[in-house]
Amino acid sequence: MASYLITGDDESLMLSAISDLVRTLVGDGDRSLMVDDFDGEDYEVRTVVDAAQTSPFLTDKRVVVARGVGRFNADDVSSLVAYLDDPLSSTDLVLVGGGGRIAKALTDALKRGGATTIGSAAPSRASERTGWFDEQIKAAGLKLDPQATKLLATWLGEDAGRLQGILDTLHSTYGDDKKLTSADISPFLGDAGGIPPWDLTDAIDRGDTTVSLQLLHRMIRGGDRHPLQVMSILHGHYTKLLSLDGSGARDEASAAAAMGIKPGFPAKKALDQYRKIGGGAVTRAVGLLAQADLDLRGAKEWPEELVMEVLVARLSRLAGAGRR
């Protein structure tokens, strides 16, 4: 009948996507009769193909799910590719990523067959994340006011895999009649999740020291990033700004060329920031990064998190002074 590919890198979100799709495909049917679900390191592609080629018994169709298909190479998936070129009309085939990069022959066969790709990952852009959270909340049968939805999205950050558990708890606590506020959901949020790197660099560029330090803590604690990883993020950010020093870049295209990136919003954003704080501030920032890197490696007998707190506070104040 149809073929599907579920992608993503968060196991919890992928499991939710699989569950939702299989529930839709089964409908009112008997799951025990309709669904063959292959998982783990032991199953082989030929068993998936055999199941997909088997006519349904006592039902109008079969649903075949194969998880972790990224572990198979091009030779392994040859029989599956052949099946996708001539699929059985009574089988819905659900392939799930994971285990490695999916063989190109398989993705090409899925495209030829008009397979539906379902991305389980939450969008990284803030403007798209709010809409995605709205969809998940609605699917859970809940009503949250805009401020509560924003709080939930901001609090979880990159840790969107926790969302379903929080929504289940909220539903069991409040039901589906009450519109929930920030005060209603706050006790159920747990620890703040990690954040994308640009949230931290944006706060530093604004000169907002308080928020910068809060976001640093979320990256290290909620996002499980080592201080050296955060250092690498900051180093990359200021290296791009430093490449604009003396480049004569005047617009997005010339800034992109100087930084060695494609023209677009990141190039324009970097050029705007460089103009606001100036080359001198960027040079001082690079010096602060170099010293902090040495401190992390033992030049100072400070805890690693303290080294990063001092660095981020200094970078933020430097940006704030440049903007004034």
C-alpha atoms as a PDB file:
ATOM      1  CA  MET A   1       0.000   0.000   0.000  1.00  0.00           C
ATOM      2  CA  ALA A   2       2.589   2.559   1.123  1.00  0.00           C
ATOM      3  CA  SER A   3       6.159   2.900   2.375  1.00  0.00           C
ATOM      4  CA  TYR A   4       7.449   5.194   5.116  1.00  0.00           C
ATOM      5  CA  LEU A   5      10.862   6.251   6.413  1.00  0.00           C
ATOM      6  CA  ILE A   6      11.125   7.640   9.948  1.00  0.00           C
ATOM      7  CA  THR A   7      14.281   9.629  10.677  1.00  0.00           C
ATOM      8  CA  GLY A   8      15.690  11.408  13.710  1.00  0.00           C
ATOM      9  CA  ASP A   9      18.398  11.284  16.357  1.00  0.00           C
ATOM     10  CA  ASP A  10      16.365  11.310  19.565  1.00  0.00           C
ATOM     11  CA  GLU A  11      15.240   7.818  20.539  1.00  0.00           C
ATOM     12  CA  SER A  12      12.234   9.019  22.522  1.00  0.00           C
ATOM     13  CA  LEU A  13      10.911  11.155  19.663  1.00  0.00           C
ATOM     14  CA  MET A  14      11.487   8.351  17.166  1.00  0.00           C
ATOM     15  CA  LEU A  15       9.589   5.891  19.358  1.00  0.00           C
ATOM     16  CA  SER A  16       6.677   8.334  19.567  1.00  0.00           C
ATOM     17  CA  ALA A  17       6.704   8.785  15.784  1.00  0.00           C
ATOM     18  CA  ILE A  18       6.698   5.007  15.232  1.00  0.00           C
ATOM     19  CA  SER A  19       3.879   4.510  17.713  1.00  0.00           C
ATOM     20  CA  ASP A  20       1.753   7.269  16.181  1.00  0.00           C
ATOM     21  CA  LEU A  21       2.242   6.018  12.616  1.00  0.00           C
ATOM     22  CA  VAL A  22       1.566   2.356  13.424  1.00  0.00           C
ATOM     23  CA  ARG A  23      -1.534   3.334  15.376  1.00  0.00           C
ATOM     24  CA  THR A  24      -2.793   5.266  12.359  1.00  0.00           C
ATOM     25  CA  LEU A  25      -2.018   2.449   9.917  1.00  0.00           C
ATOM     26  CA  VAL A  26      -3.658  -0.214  12.085  1.00  0.00           C
ATOM     27  CA  GLY A  27      -6.729   1.886  12.824  1.00  0.00           C
ATOM     28  CA  ASP A  28      -9.487  -0.330  14.248  1.00  0.00           C
ATOM     29  CA  GLY A  29      -7.732  -3.514  13.149  1.00  0.00           C
ATOM     30  CA  ASP A  30      -6.168  -6.219  15.301  1.00  0.00           C
ATOM     31  CA  ARG A  31      -2.556  -5.202  15.904  1.00  0.00           C
ATOM     32  CA  SER A  32      -1.526  -8.738  16.857  1.00  0.00           C
ATOM     33  CA  LEU A  33      -2.603 -10.000  13.434  1.00  0.00           C
ATOM     34  CA  MET A  34      -1.513  -7.010  11.356  1.00  0.00           C
ATOM     35  CA  VAL A  35       1.909  -5.889  12.638  1.00  0.00           C
ATOM     36  CA  ASP A  36       5.337  -7.500  12.221  1.00  0.00           C
ATOM     37  CA  ASP A  37       7.925  -5.448  14.128  1.00  0.00           C
ATOM     38  CA  PHE A  38      11.650  -6.146  13.607  1.00  0.00           C
ATOM     39  CA  ASP A  39      14.135  -4.663  16.056  1.00  0.00           C
ATOM     40  CA  GLY A  40      17.580  -5.351  17.522  1.00  0.00           C
ATOM     41  CA  GLU A  41      20.844  -6.598  16.066  1.00  0.00           C
ATOM     42  CA  ASP A  42      19.685 -10.106  15.190  1.00  0.00           C
ATOM     43  CA  TYR A  43      17.108  -9.683  12.433  1.00  0.00           C
ATOM     44  CA  GLU A  44      18.131  -9.796   8.777  1.00  0.00           C
ATOM     45  CA  VAL A  45      16.763  -7.844   5.822  1.00  0.00           C
ATOM     46  CA  ARG A  46      15.473 -11.003   4.136  1.00  0.00           C
ATOM     47  CA  THR A  47      13.085 -11.622   7.051  1.00  0.00           C
ATOM     48  CA  VAL A  48      11.667  -8.125   6.590  1.00  0.00           C
ATOM     49  CA  VAL A  49      11.232  -8.733   2.864  1.00  0.00           C
ATOM     50  CA  ASP A  50       9.586 -12.118   3.519  1.00  0.00           C
ATOM     51  CA  ALA A  51       7.113 -10.473   5.896  1.00  0.00           C
ATOM     52  CA  ALA A  52       6.394  -7.636   3.452  1.00  0.00           C
ATOM     53  CA  GLN A  53       5.748 -10.145   0.640  1.00  0.00           C
ATOM     54  CA  THR A  54       3.373 -12.249   2.732  1.00  0.00           C
ATOM     55  CA  SER A  55      -0.335 -11.717   2.115  1.00  0.00           C
ATOM     56  CA  PRO A  56      -2.415 -10.712   5.148  1.00  0.00           C
ATOM     57  CA  PHE A  57      -4.371 -13.359   7.078  1.00  0.00           C
ATOM     58  CA  LEU A  58      -7.796 -12.488   8.499  1.00  0.00           C
ATOM     59  CA  THR A  59      -7.088  -8.782   7.903  1.00  0.00           C
ATOM     60  CA  ASP A  60      -7.104  -6.535   4.858  1.00  0.00           C
ATOM     61  CA  LYS A  61      -3.425  -5.562   5.133  1.00  0.00           C
ATOM     62  CA  ARG A  62      -0.122  -6.055   6.965  1.00  0.00           C
ATOM     63  CA  VAL A  63       2.092  -3.453   8.619  1.00  0.00           C
ATOM     64  CA  VAL A  64       5.792  -4.340   8.601  1.00  0.00           C
ATOM     65  CA  VAL A  65       8.156  -2.250  10.763  1.00  0.00           C
ATOM     66  CA  ALA A  66      11.960  -2.522  10.486  1.00  0.00           C
ATOM     67  CA  ARG A  67      13.991  -0.484  12.967  1.00  0.00           C
ATOM     68  CA  GLY A  68      17.651   0.550  12.836  1.00  0.00           C
ATOM     69  CA  VAL A  69      17.985   0.076   9.076  1.00  0.00           C
ATOM     70  CA  GLY A  70      21.101   2.242   9.052  1.00  0.00           C
ATOM     71  CA  ARG A  71      23.177  -0.761  10.153  1.00  0.00           C
ATOM     72  CA  PHE A  72      22.713  -2.494   6.787  1.00  0.00           C
ATOM     73  CA  ASN A  73      25.064  -1.834   3.863  1.00  0.00           C
ATOM     74  CA  ALA A  74      24.233  -1.667   0.161  1.00  0.00           C
ATOM     75  CA  ASP A  75      24.620  -5.426  -0.327  1.00  0.00           C
ATOM     76  CA  ASP A  76      22.433  -6.179   2.683  1.00  0.00           C
ATOM     77  CA  VAL A  77      19.520  -4.083   1.396  1.00  0.00           C
ATOM     78  CA  SER A  78      19.551  -5.335  -2.213  1.00  0.00           C
ATOM     79  CA  SER A  79      16.529  -7.594  -1.665  1.00  0.00           C
ATOM     80  CA  LEU A  80      14.662  -4.763   0.069  1.00  0.00           C
ATOM     81  CA  VAL A  81      15.463  -2.419  -2.823  1.00  0.00           C
ATOM     82  CA  ALA A  82      14.069  -5.015  -5.240  1.00  0.00           C
ATOM     83  CA  TYR A  83      10.916  -5.319  -3.136  1.00  0.00           C
ATOM     84  CA  LEU A  84      10.382  -1.533  -3.081  1.00  0.00           C
ATOM     85  CA  ASP A  85      10.497  -1.506  -6.881  1.00  0.00           C
ATOM     86  CA  ASP A  86       7.573  -3.969  -6.905  1.00  0.00           C
ATOM     87  CA  PRO A  87       5.839  -3.823  -3.487  1.00  0.00           C
ATOM     88  CA  LEU A  88       2.853  -5.893  -2.388  1.00  0.00           C
ATOM     89  CA  SER A  89      -0.285  -3.781  -2.465  1.00  0.00           C
ATOM     90  CA  SER A  90      -1.523  -5.156   0.866  1.00  0.00           C
ATOM     91  CA  THR A  91       1.595  -4.207   2.884  1.00  0.00           C
ATOM     92  CA  ASP A  92       2.441  -0.935   4.616  1.00  0.00           C
ATOM     93  CA  LEU A  93       6.223  -0.905   5.117  1.00  0.00           C
ATOM     94  CA  VAL A  94       7.724   1.304   7.847  1.00  0.00           C
ATOM     95  CA  LEU A  95      11.524   1.691   7.850  1.00  0.00           C
ATOM     96  CA  VAL A  96      13.163   3.424  10.795  1.00  0.00           C
ATOM     97  CA  GLY A  97      16.592   5.052  10.760  1.00  0.00           C
ATOM     98  CA  GLY A  98      19.281   4.410  13.341  1.00  0.00           C
ATOM     99  CA  GLY A  99      22.366   2.258  13.563  1.00  0.00           C
ATOM    100  CA  GLY A 100      24.305   4.332  11.040  1.00  0.00           C
ATOM    101  CA  ARG A 101      23.779   6.084   7.737  1.00  0.00           C
ATOM    102  CA  ILE A 102      21.070   4.518   5.596  1.00  0.00           C
ATOM    103  CA  ALA A 103      22.430   2.979   2.384  1.00  0.00           C
ATOM    104  CA  LYS A 104      21.977   5.279  -0.620  1.00  0.00           C
ATOM    105  CA  ALA A 105      20.503   2.449  -2.683  1.00  0.00           C
ATOM    106  CA  LEU A 106      17.731   2.146  -0.117  1.00  0.00           C
ATOM    107  CA  THR A 107      16.973   5.871   0.107  1.00  0.00           C
ATOM    108  CA  ASP A 108      16.936   6.053  -3.713  1.00  0.00           C
ATOM    109  CA  ALA A 109      14.480   3.154  -3.876  1.00  0.00           C
ATOM    110  CA  LEU A 110      12.240   4.850  -1.314  1.00  0.00           C
ATOM    111  CA  LYS A 111      12.249   8.051  -3.365  1.00  0.00           C
ATOM    112  CA  ARG A 112      11.412   6.157  -6.560  1.00  0.00           C
ATOM    113  CA  GLY A 113       8.506   4.518  -4.820  1.00  0.00           C
ATOM    114  CA  GLY A 114       7.128   7.773  -3.460  1.00  0.00           C
ATOM    115  CA  ALA A 115       7.731   6.840   0.175  1.00  0.00           C
ATOM    116  CA  THR A 116       6.709   9.287   2.878  1.00  0.00           C
ATOM    117  CA  THR A 117       9.566  10.561   5.055  1.00  0.00           C
ATOM    118  CA  ILE A 118       8.672  11.468   8.633  1.00  0.00           C
ATOM    119  CA  GLY A 119      11.249  13.516  10.523  1.00  0.00           C
ATOM    120  CA  SER A 120      10.865  12.950  14.255  1.00  0.00           C
ATOM    121  CA  ALA A 121      13.349  15.625  15.364  1.00  0.00           C
ATOM    122  CA  ALA A 122      12.088  18.892  16.782  1.00  0.00           C
ATOM    123  CA  PRO A 123      12.901  21.895  14.540  1.00  0.00           C
ATOM    124  CA  SER A 124      16.020  23.803  15.563  1.00  0.00           C
ATOM    125  CA  ARG A 125      14.740  27.242  14.539  1.00  0.00           C
ATOM    126  CA  ALA A 126      12.818  29.024  17.282  1.00  0.00           C
ATOM    127  CA  SER A 127      10.074  30.189  14.912  1.00  0.00           C
ATOM    128  CA  GLU A 128       9.381  26.605  13.843  1.00  0.00           C
ATOM    129  CA  ARG A 129       9.764  25.024  17.284  1.00  0.00           C
ATOM    130  CA  THR A 130       6.763  26.862  18.709  1.00  0.00           C
ATOM    131  CA  GLY A 131       4.524  25.456  15.976  1.00  0.00           C
ATOM    132  CA  TRP A 132       5.967  21.971  16.522  1.00  0.00           C
ATOM    133  CA  PHE A 133       5.289  22.170  20.266  1.00  0.00           C
ATOM    134  CA  ASP A 134       1.749  23.372  19.533  1.00  0.00           C
ATOM    135  CA  GLU A 135       1.184  20.266  17.377  1.00  0.00           C
ATOM    136  CA  GLN A 136       2.502  17.896  20.069  1.00  0.00           C
ATOM    137  CA  ILE A 137       0.391  19.554  22.752  1.00  0.00           C
ATOM    138  CA  LYS A 138      -2.736  19.340  20.610  1.00  0.00           C
ATOM    139  CA  ALA A 139      -2.032  15.692  19.761  1.00  0.00           C
ATOM    140  CA  ALA A 140      -1.799  14.955  23.496  1.00  0.00           C
ATOM    141  CA  GLY A 141      -5.291  16.407  24.004  1.00  0.00           C
ATOM    142  CA  LEU A 142      -4.057  19.324  26.087  1.00  0.00           C
ATOM    143  CA  LYS A 143      -4.660  23.074  26.021  1.00  0.00           C
ATOM    144  CA  LEU A 144      -1.868  25.442  27.043  1.00  0.00           C
ATOM    145  CA  ASP A 145      -1.957  29.213  26.852  1.00  0.00           C
ATOM    146  CA  PRO A 146       0.750  30.870  24.691  1.00  0.00           C
ATOM    147  CA  GLN A 147       2.939  31.756  27.674  1.00  0.00           C
ATOM    148  CA  ALA A 148       2.856  28.172  28.958  1.00  0.00           C
ATOM    149  CA  THR A 149       3.739  26.806  25.523  1.00  0.00           C
ATOM    150  CA  LYS A 150       6.650  29.238  25.234  1.00  0.00           C
ATOM    151  CA  LEU A 151       7.871  28.275  28.716  1.00  0.00           C
ATOM    152  CA  LEU A 152       7.720  24.574  27.846  1.00  0.00           C
ATOM    153  CA  ALA A 153       9.627  25.023  24.571  1.00  0.00           C
ATOM    154  CA  THR A 154      12.247  27.298  26.135  1.00  0.00           C
ATOM    155  CA  TRP A 155      12.725  25.133  29.213  1.00  0.00           C
ATOM    156  CA  LEU A 156      13.217  21.881  27.324  1.00  0.00           C
ATOM    157  CA  GLY A 157      15.524  23.446  24.736  1.00  0.00           C
ATOM    158  CA  GLU A 158      17.321  20.662  22.858  1.00  0.00           C
ATOM    159  CA  ASP A 159      15.904  18.021  25.210  1.00  0.00           C
ATOM    160  CA  ALA A 160      12.613  17.670  23.346  1.00  0.00           C
ATOM    161  CA  GLY A 161      12.650  13.920  23.930  1.00  0.00           C
ATOM    162  CA  ARG A 162      11.281  14.631  27.427  1.00  0.00           C
ATOM    163  CA  LEU A 163       8.220  16.364  26.030  1.00  0.00           C
ATOM    164  CA  GLN A 164       5.953  13.334  25.697  1.00  0.00           C
ATOM    165  CA  GLY A 165       6.526  12.269  29.298  1.00  0.00           C
ATOM    166  CA  ILE A 166       5.692  15.772  30.548  1.00  0.00           C
ATOM    167  CA  LEU A 167       2.562  15.935  28.390  1.00  0.00           C
ATOM    168  CA  ASP A 168       1.414  12.526  29.655  1.00  0.00           C
ATOM    169  CA  THR A 169       1.881  13.692  33.245  1.00  0.00           C
ATOM    170  CA  LEU A 170       0.012  16.939  32.607  1.00  0.00           C
ATOM    171  CA  HIS A 171      -2.851  15.062  30.964  1.00  0.00           C
ATOM    172  CA  SER A 172      -3.172  12.594  33.837  1.00  0.00           C
ATOM    173  CA  THR A 173      -3.094  15.485  36.327  1.00  0.00           C
ATOM    174  CA  TYR A 174      -5.383  18.030  34.685  1.00  0.00           C
ATOM    175  CA  GLY A 175      -7.321  16.132  32.028  1.00  0.00           C
ATOM    176  CA  ASP A 176      -8.200  17.821  28.744  1.00  0.00           C
ATOM    177  CA  ASP A 177     -10.717  20.485  29.784  1.00  0.00           C
ATOM    178  CA  LYS A 178      -8.598  23.115  31.531  1.00  0.00           C
ATOM    179  CA  LYS A 179      -6.385  25.553  29.647  1.00  0.00           C
ATOM    180  CA  LEU A 180      -3.070  25.327  31.470  1.00  0.00           C
ATOM    181  CA  THR A 181      -0.937  28.294  32.449  1.00  0.00           C
ATOM    182  CA  SER A 182       2.761  28.603  33.188  1.00  0.00           C
ATOM    183  CA  ALA A 183       2.003  28.242  36.889  1.00  0.00           C
ATOM    184  CA  ASP A 184       0.152  24.978  36.209  1.00  0.00           C
ATOM    185  CA  ILE A 185       2.971  23.318  34.269  1.00  0.00           C
ATOM    186  CA  SER A 186       6.048  24.654  36.108  1.00  0.00           C
ATOM    187  CA  PRO A 187       6.073  21.963  38.861  1.00  0.00           C
ATOM    188  CA  PHE A 188       6.255  19.220  36.227  1.00  0.00           C
ATOM    189  CA  LEU A 189       9.121  20.492  34.065  1.00  0.00           C
ATOM    190  CA  GLY A 190      12.087  19.073  35.976  1.00  0.00           C
ATOM    191  CA  ASP A 191      15.609  20.267  35.152  1.00  0.00           C
ATOM    192  CA  ALA A 192      16.085  22.679  32.278  1.00  0.00           C
ATOM    193  CA  GLY A 193      17.254  21.005  29.084  1.00  0.00           C
ATOM    194  CA  GLY A 194      20.219  21.888  26.915  1.00  0.00           C
ATOM    195  CA  ILE A 195      20.177  24.718  24.396  1.00  0.00           C
ATOM    196  CA  PRO A 196      21.477  25.174  20.851  1.00  0.00           C
ATOM    197  CA  PRO A 197      24.866  26.948  20.650  1.00  0.00           C
ATOM    198  CA  TRP A 198      23.528  30.089  19.004  1.00  0.00           C
ATOM    199  CA  ASP A 199      21.329  30.864  22.028  1.00  0.00           C
ATOM    200  CA  LEU A 200      24.494  31.349  24.095  1.00  0.00           C
ATOM    201  CA  THR A 201      26.421  33.319  21.468  1.00  0.00           C
ATOM    202  CA  ASP A 202      23.385  35.534  20.787  1.00  0.00           C
ATOM    203  CA  ALA A 203      23.068  36.383  24.492  1.00  0.00           C
ATOM    204  CA  ILE A 204      26.790  37.175  24.701  1.00  0.00           C
ATOM    205  CA  ASP A 205      26.566  39.338  21.579  1.00  0.00           C
ATOM    206  CA  ARG A 206      23.696  41.274  23.177  1.00  0.00           C
ATOM    207  CA  GLY A 207      25.858  41.919  26.240  1.00  0.00           C
ATOM    208  CA  ASP A 208      23.276  40.207  28.482  1.00  0.00           C
ATOM    209  CA  THR A 209      25.567  38.761  31.145  1.00  0.00           C
ATOM    210  CA  THR A 210      22.833  37.300  33.374  1.00  0.00           C
ATOM    211  CA  VAL A 211      21.158  35.377  30.574  1.00  0.00           C
ATOM    212  CA  SER A 212      24.537  34.350  29.137  1.00  0.00           C
ATOM    213  CA  LEU A 213      25.519  32.712  32.412  1.00  0.00           C
ATOM    214  CA  GLN A 214      22.156  30.988  32.738  1.00  0.00           C
ATOM    215  CA  LEU A 215      22.488  29.571  29.235  1.00  0.00           C
ATOM    216  CA  LEU A 216      26.076  28.499  29.887  1.00  0.00           C
ATOM    217  CA  HIS A 217      24.882  26.452  32.862  1.00  0.00           C
ATOM    218  CA  ARG A 218      22.178  24.848  30.733  1.00  0.00           C
ATOM    219  CA  MET A 219      24.692  23.901  28.048  1.00  0.00           C
ATOM    220  CA  ILE A 220      27.030  22.299  30.565  1.00  0.00           C
ATOM    221  CA  ARG A 221      24.494  20.760  32.935  1.00  0.00           C
ATOM    222  CA  GLY A 222      21.330  20.195  30.907  1.00  0.00           C
ATOM    223  CA  GLY A 223      23.056  19.682  27.567  1.00  0.00           C
ATOM    224  CA  ASP A 224      25.908  17.551  28.940  1.00  0.00           C
ATOM    225  CA  ARG A 225      28.492  19.560  27.004  1.00  0.00           C
ATOM    226  CA  HIS A 226      32.018  19.530  28.375  1.00  0.00           C
ATOM    227  CA  PRO A 227      33.514  23.001  28.970  1.00  0.00           C
ATOM    228  CA  LEU A 228      36.020  22.321  26.177  1.00  0.00           C
ATOM    229  CA  GLN A 229      33.085  21.748  23.796  1.00  0.00           C
ATOM    230  CA  VAL A 230      31.592  25.085  24.823  1.00  0.00           C
ATOM    231  CA  MET A 231      35.033  26.639  24.353  1.00  0.00           C
ATOM    232  CA  SER A 232      35.131  25.246  20.819  1.00  0.00           C
ATOM    233  CA  ILE A 233      31.730  26.807  20.069  1.00  0.00           C
ATOM    234  CA  LEU A 234      32.869  30.204  21.336  1.00  0.00           C
ATOM    235  CA  HIS A 235      36.197  29.925  19.518  1.00  0.00           C
ATOM    236  CA  GLY A 236      34.392  29.225  16.238  1.00  0.00           C
ATOM    237  CA  HIS A 237      32.092  32.186  16.781  1.00  0.00           C
ATOM    238  CA  TYR A 238      34.882  34.691  17.418  1.00  0.00           C
ATOM    239  CA  THR A 239      37.159  33.248  14.745  1.00  0.00           C
ATOM    240  CA  LYS A 240      34.490  34.110  12.179  1.00  0.00           C
ATOM    241  CA  LEU A 241      34.288  37.653  13.552  1.00  0.00           C
ATOM    242  CA  LEU A 242      38.080  37.954  13.547  1.00  0.00           C
ATOM    243  CA  SER A 243      38.210  36.962   9.876  1.00  0.00           C
ATOM    244  CA  LEU A 244      36.226  40.139   9.131  1.00  0.00           C
ATOM    245  CA  ASP A 245      38.921  42.315  10.716  1.00  0.00           C
ATOM    246  CA  GLY A 246      40.706  44.157   7.914  1.00  0.00           C
ATOM    247  CA  SER A 247      38.725  42.275   5.249  1.00  0.00           C
ATOM    248  CA  GLY A 248      36.894  45.352   4.025  1.00  0.00           C
ATOM    249  CA  ALA A 249      33.628  43.380   3.966  1.00  0.00           C
ATOM    250  CA  ARG A 250      30.718  45.717   3.405  1.00  0.00           C
ATOM    251  CA  ASP A 251      27.815  43.415   2.683  1.00  0.00           C
ATOM    252  CA  GLU A 252      26.552  39.892   3.223  1.00  0.00           C
ATOM    253  CA  ALA A 253      28.315  38.425   0.185  1.00  0.00           C
ATOM    254  CA  SER A 254      31.756  39.882   0.945  1.00  0.00           C
ATOM    255  CA  ALA A 255      31.410  38.963   4.632  1.00  0.00           C
ATOM    256  CA  ALA A 256      30.565  35.382   3.676  1.00  0.00           C
ATOM    257  CA  ALA A 257      33.593  35.238   1.393  1.00  0.00           C
ATOM    258  CA  ALA A 258      35.872  36.521   4.165  1.00  0.00           C
ATOM    259  CA  MET A 259      34.536  33.926   6.627  1.00  0.00           C
ATOM    260  CA  GLY A 260      34.544  31.088   4.132  1.00  0.00           C
ATOM    261  CA  ILE A 261      30.821  30.387   4.466  1.00  0.00           C
ATOM    262  CA  LYS A 262      27.822  30.627   2.168  1.00  0.00           C
ATOM    263  CA  PRO A 263      25.990  33.973   1.901  1.00  0.00           C
ATOM    264  CA  GLY A 264      22.919  34.100   4.082  1.00  0.00           C
ATOM    265  CA  PHE A 265      21.644  35.140   7.479  1.00  0.00           C
ATOM    266  CA  PRO A 266      24.711  33.896   9.476  1.00  0.00           C
ATOM    267  CA  ALA A 267      27.016  36.056   7.360  1.00  0.00           C
ATOM    268  CA  LYS A 268      24.822  39.129   7.730  1.00  0.00           C
ATOM    269  CA  LYS A 269      24.473  38.512  11.464  1.00  0.00           C
ATOM    270  CA  ALA A 270      28.240  38.234  11.942  1.00  0.00           C
ATOM    271  CA  LEU A 271      28.897  41.402   9.938  1.00  0.00           C
ATOM    272  CA  ASP A 272      26.337  43.333  11.987  1.00  0.00           C
ATOM    273  CA  GLN A 273      27.936  42.144  15.235  1.00  0.00           C
ATOM    274  CA  TYR A 274      31.444  43.009  14.044  1.00  0.00           C
ATOM    275  CA  ARG A 275      30.299  46.515  13.162  1.00  0.00           C
ATOM    276  CA  LYS A 276      28.677  46.952  16.578  1.00  0.00           C
ATOM    277  CA  ILE A 277      31.623  45.910  18.730  1.00  0.00           C
ATOM    278  CA  GLY A 278      34.587  46.678  16.454  1.00  0.00           C
ATOM    279  CA  GLY A 279      37.832  44.926  15.641  1.00  0.00           C
ATOM    280  CA  GLY A 280      39.507  45.862  18.915  1.00  0.00           C
ATOM    281  CA  ALA A 281      36.833  44.115  20.977  1.00  0.00           C
ATOM    282  CA  VAL A 282      37.022  41.016  18.783  1.00  0.00           C
ATOM    283  CA  THR A 283      40.799  40.865  19.236  1.00  0.00           C
ATOM    284  CA  ARG A 284      40.424  41.176  23.022  1.00  0.00           C
ATOM    285  CA  ALA A 285      37.779  38.456  22.975  1.00  0.00           C
ATOM    286  CA  VAL A 286      40.152  36.082  21.180  1.00  0.00           C
ATOM    287  CA  GLY A 287      42.760  36.837  23.851  1.00  0.00           C
ATOM    288  CA  LEU A 288      40.264  36.001  26.592  1.00  0.00           C
ATOM    289  CA  LEU A 289      39.470  32.720  24.853  1.00  0.00           C
ATOM    290  CA  ALA A 290      43.149  31.813  24.609  1.00  0.00           C
ATOM    291  CA  GLN A 291      43.696  32.470  28.320  1.00  0.00           C
ATOM    292  CA  ALA A 292      40.572  30.519  29.313  1.00  0.00           C
ATOM    293  CA  ASP A 293      41.720  27.595  27.196  1.00  0.00           C
ATOM    294  CA  LEU A 294      45.019  27.528  29.100  1.00  0.00           C
ATOM    295  CA  ASP A 295      43.144  27.812  32.407  1.00  0.00           C
ATOM    296  CA  LEU A 296      40.958  24.828  31.504  1.00  0.00           C
ATOM    297  CA  ARG A 297      44.110  22.839  30.838  1.00  0.00           C
ATOM    298  CA  GLY A 298      45.596  23.593  34.249  1.00  0.00           C
ATOM    299  CA  ALA A 299      47.119  27.092  34.143  1.00  0.00           C
ATOM    300  CA  LYS A 300      44.774  28.032  37.022  1.00  0.00           C
ATOM    301  CA  GLU A 301      43.600  25.722  39.758  1.00  0.00           C
ATOM    302  CA  TRP A 302      39.986  26.717  39.189  1.00  0.00           C
ATOM    303  CA  PRO A 303      37.007  24.417  38.636  1.00  0.00           C
ATOM    304  CA  GLU A 304      36.265  24.127  34.918  1.00  0.00           C
ATOM    305  CA  GLU A 305      32.802  25.634  35.260  1.00  0.00           C
ATOM    306  CA  LEU A 306      34.196  28.673  37.076  1.00  0.00           C
ATOM    307  CA  VAL A 307      36.695  29.247  34.253  1.00  0.00           C
ATOM    308  CA  MET A 308      33.801  29.238  31.761  1.00  0.00           C
ATOM    309  CA  GLU A 309      31.645  31.499  33.934  1.00  0.00           C
ATOM    310  CA  VAL A 310      34.398  34.104  34.140  1.00  0.00           C
ATOM    311  CA  LEU A 311      35.055  33.851  30.399  1.00  0.00           C
ATOM    312  CA  VAL A 312      31.403  34.207  29.414  1.00  0.00           C
ATOM    313  CA  ALA A 313      30.878  37.120  31.799  1.00  0.00           C
ATOM    314  CA  ARG A 314      33.915  38.926  30.364  1.00  0.00           C
ATOM    315  CA  LEU A 315      32.885  38.268  26.761  1.00  0.00           C
ATOM    316  CA  SER A 316      29.384  39.503  27.491  1.00  0.00           C
ATOM    317  CA  ARG A 317      30.587  42.691  29.158  1.00  0.00           C
ATOM    318  CA  LEU A 318      33.011  43.261  26.301  1.00  0.00           C
ATOM    319  CA  ALA A 319      30.173  42.971  23.764  1.00  0.00           C
ATOM    320  CA  GLY A 320      27.952  45.231  25.844  1.00  0.00           C
ATOM    321  CA  ALA A 321      30.644  47.902  26.097  1.00  0.00           C
ATOM    322  CA  GLY A 322      31.268  47.725  22.339  1.00  0.00           C
ATOM    323  CA  ARG A 323      27.560  48.177  21.576  1.00  0.00           C
ATOM    324  CA  ARG A 324      27.366  51.271  23.756  1.00  0.00           C
END
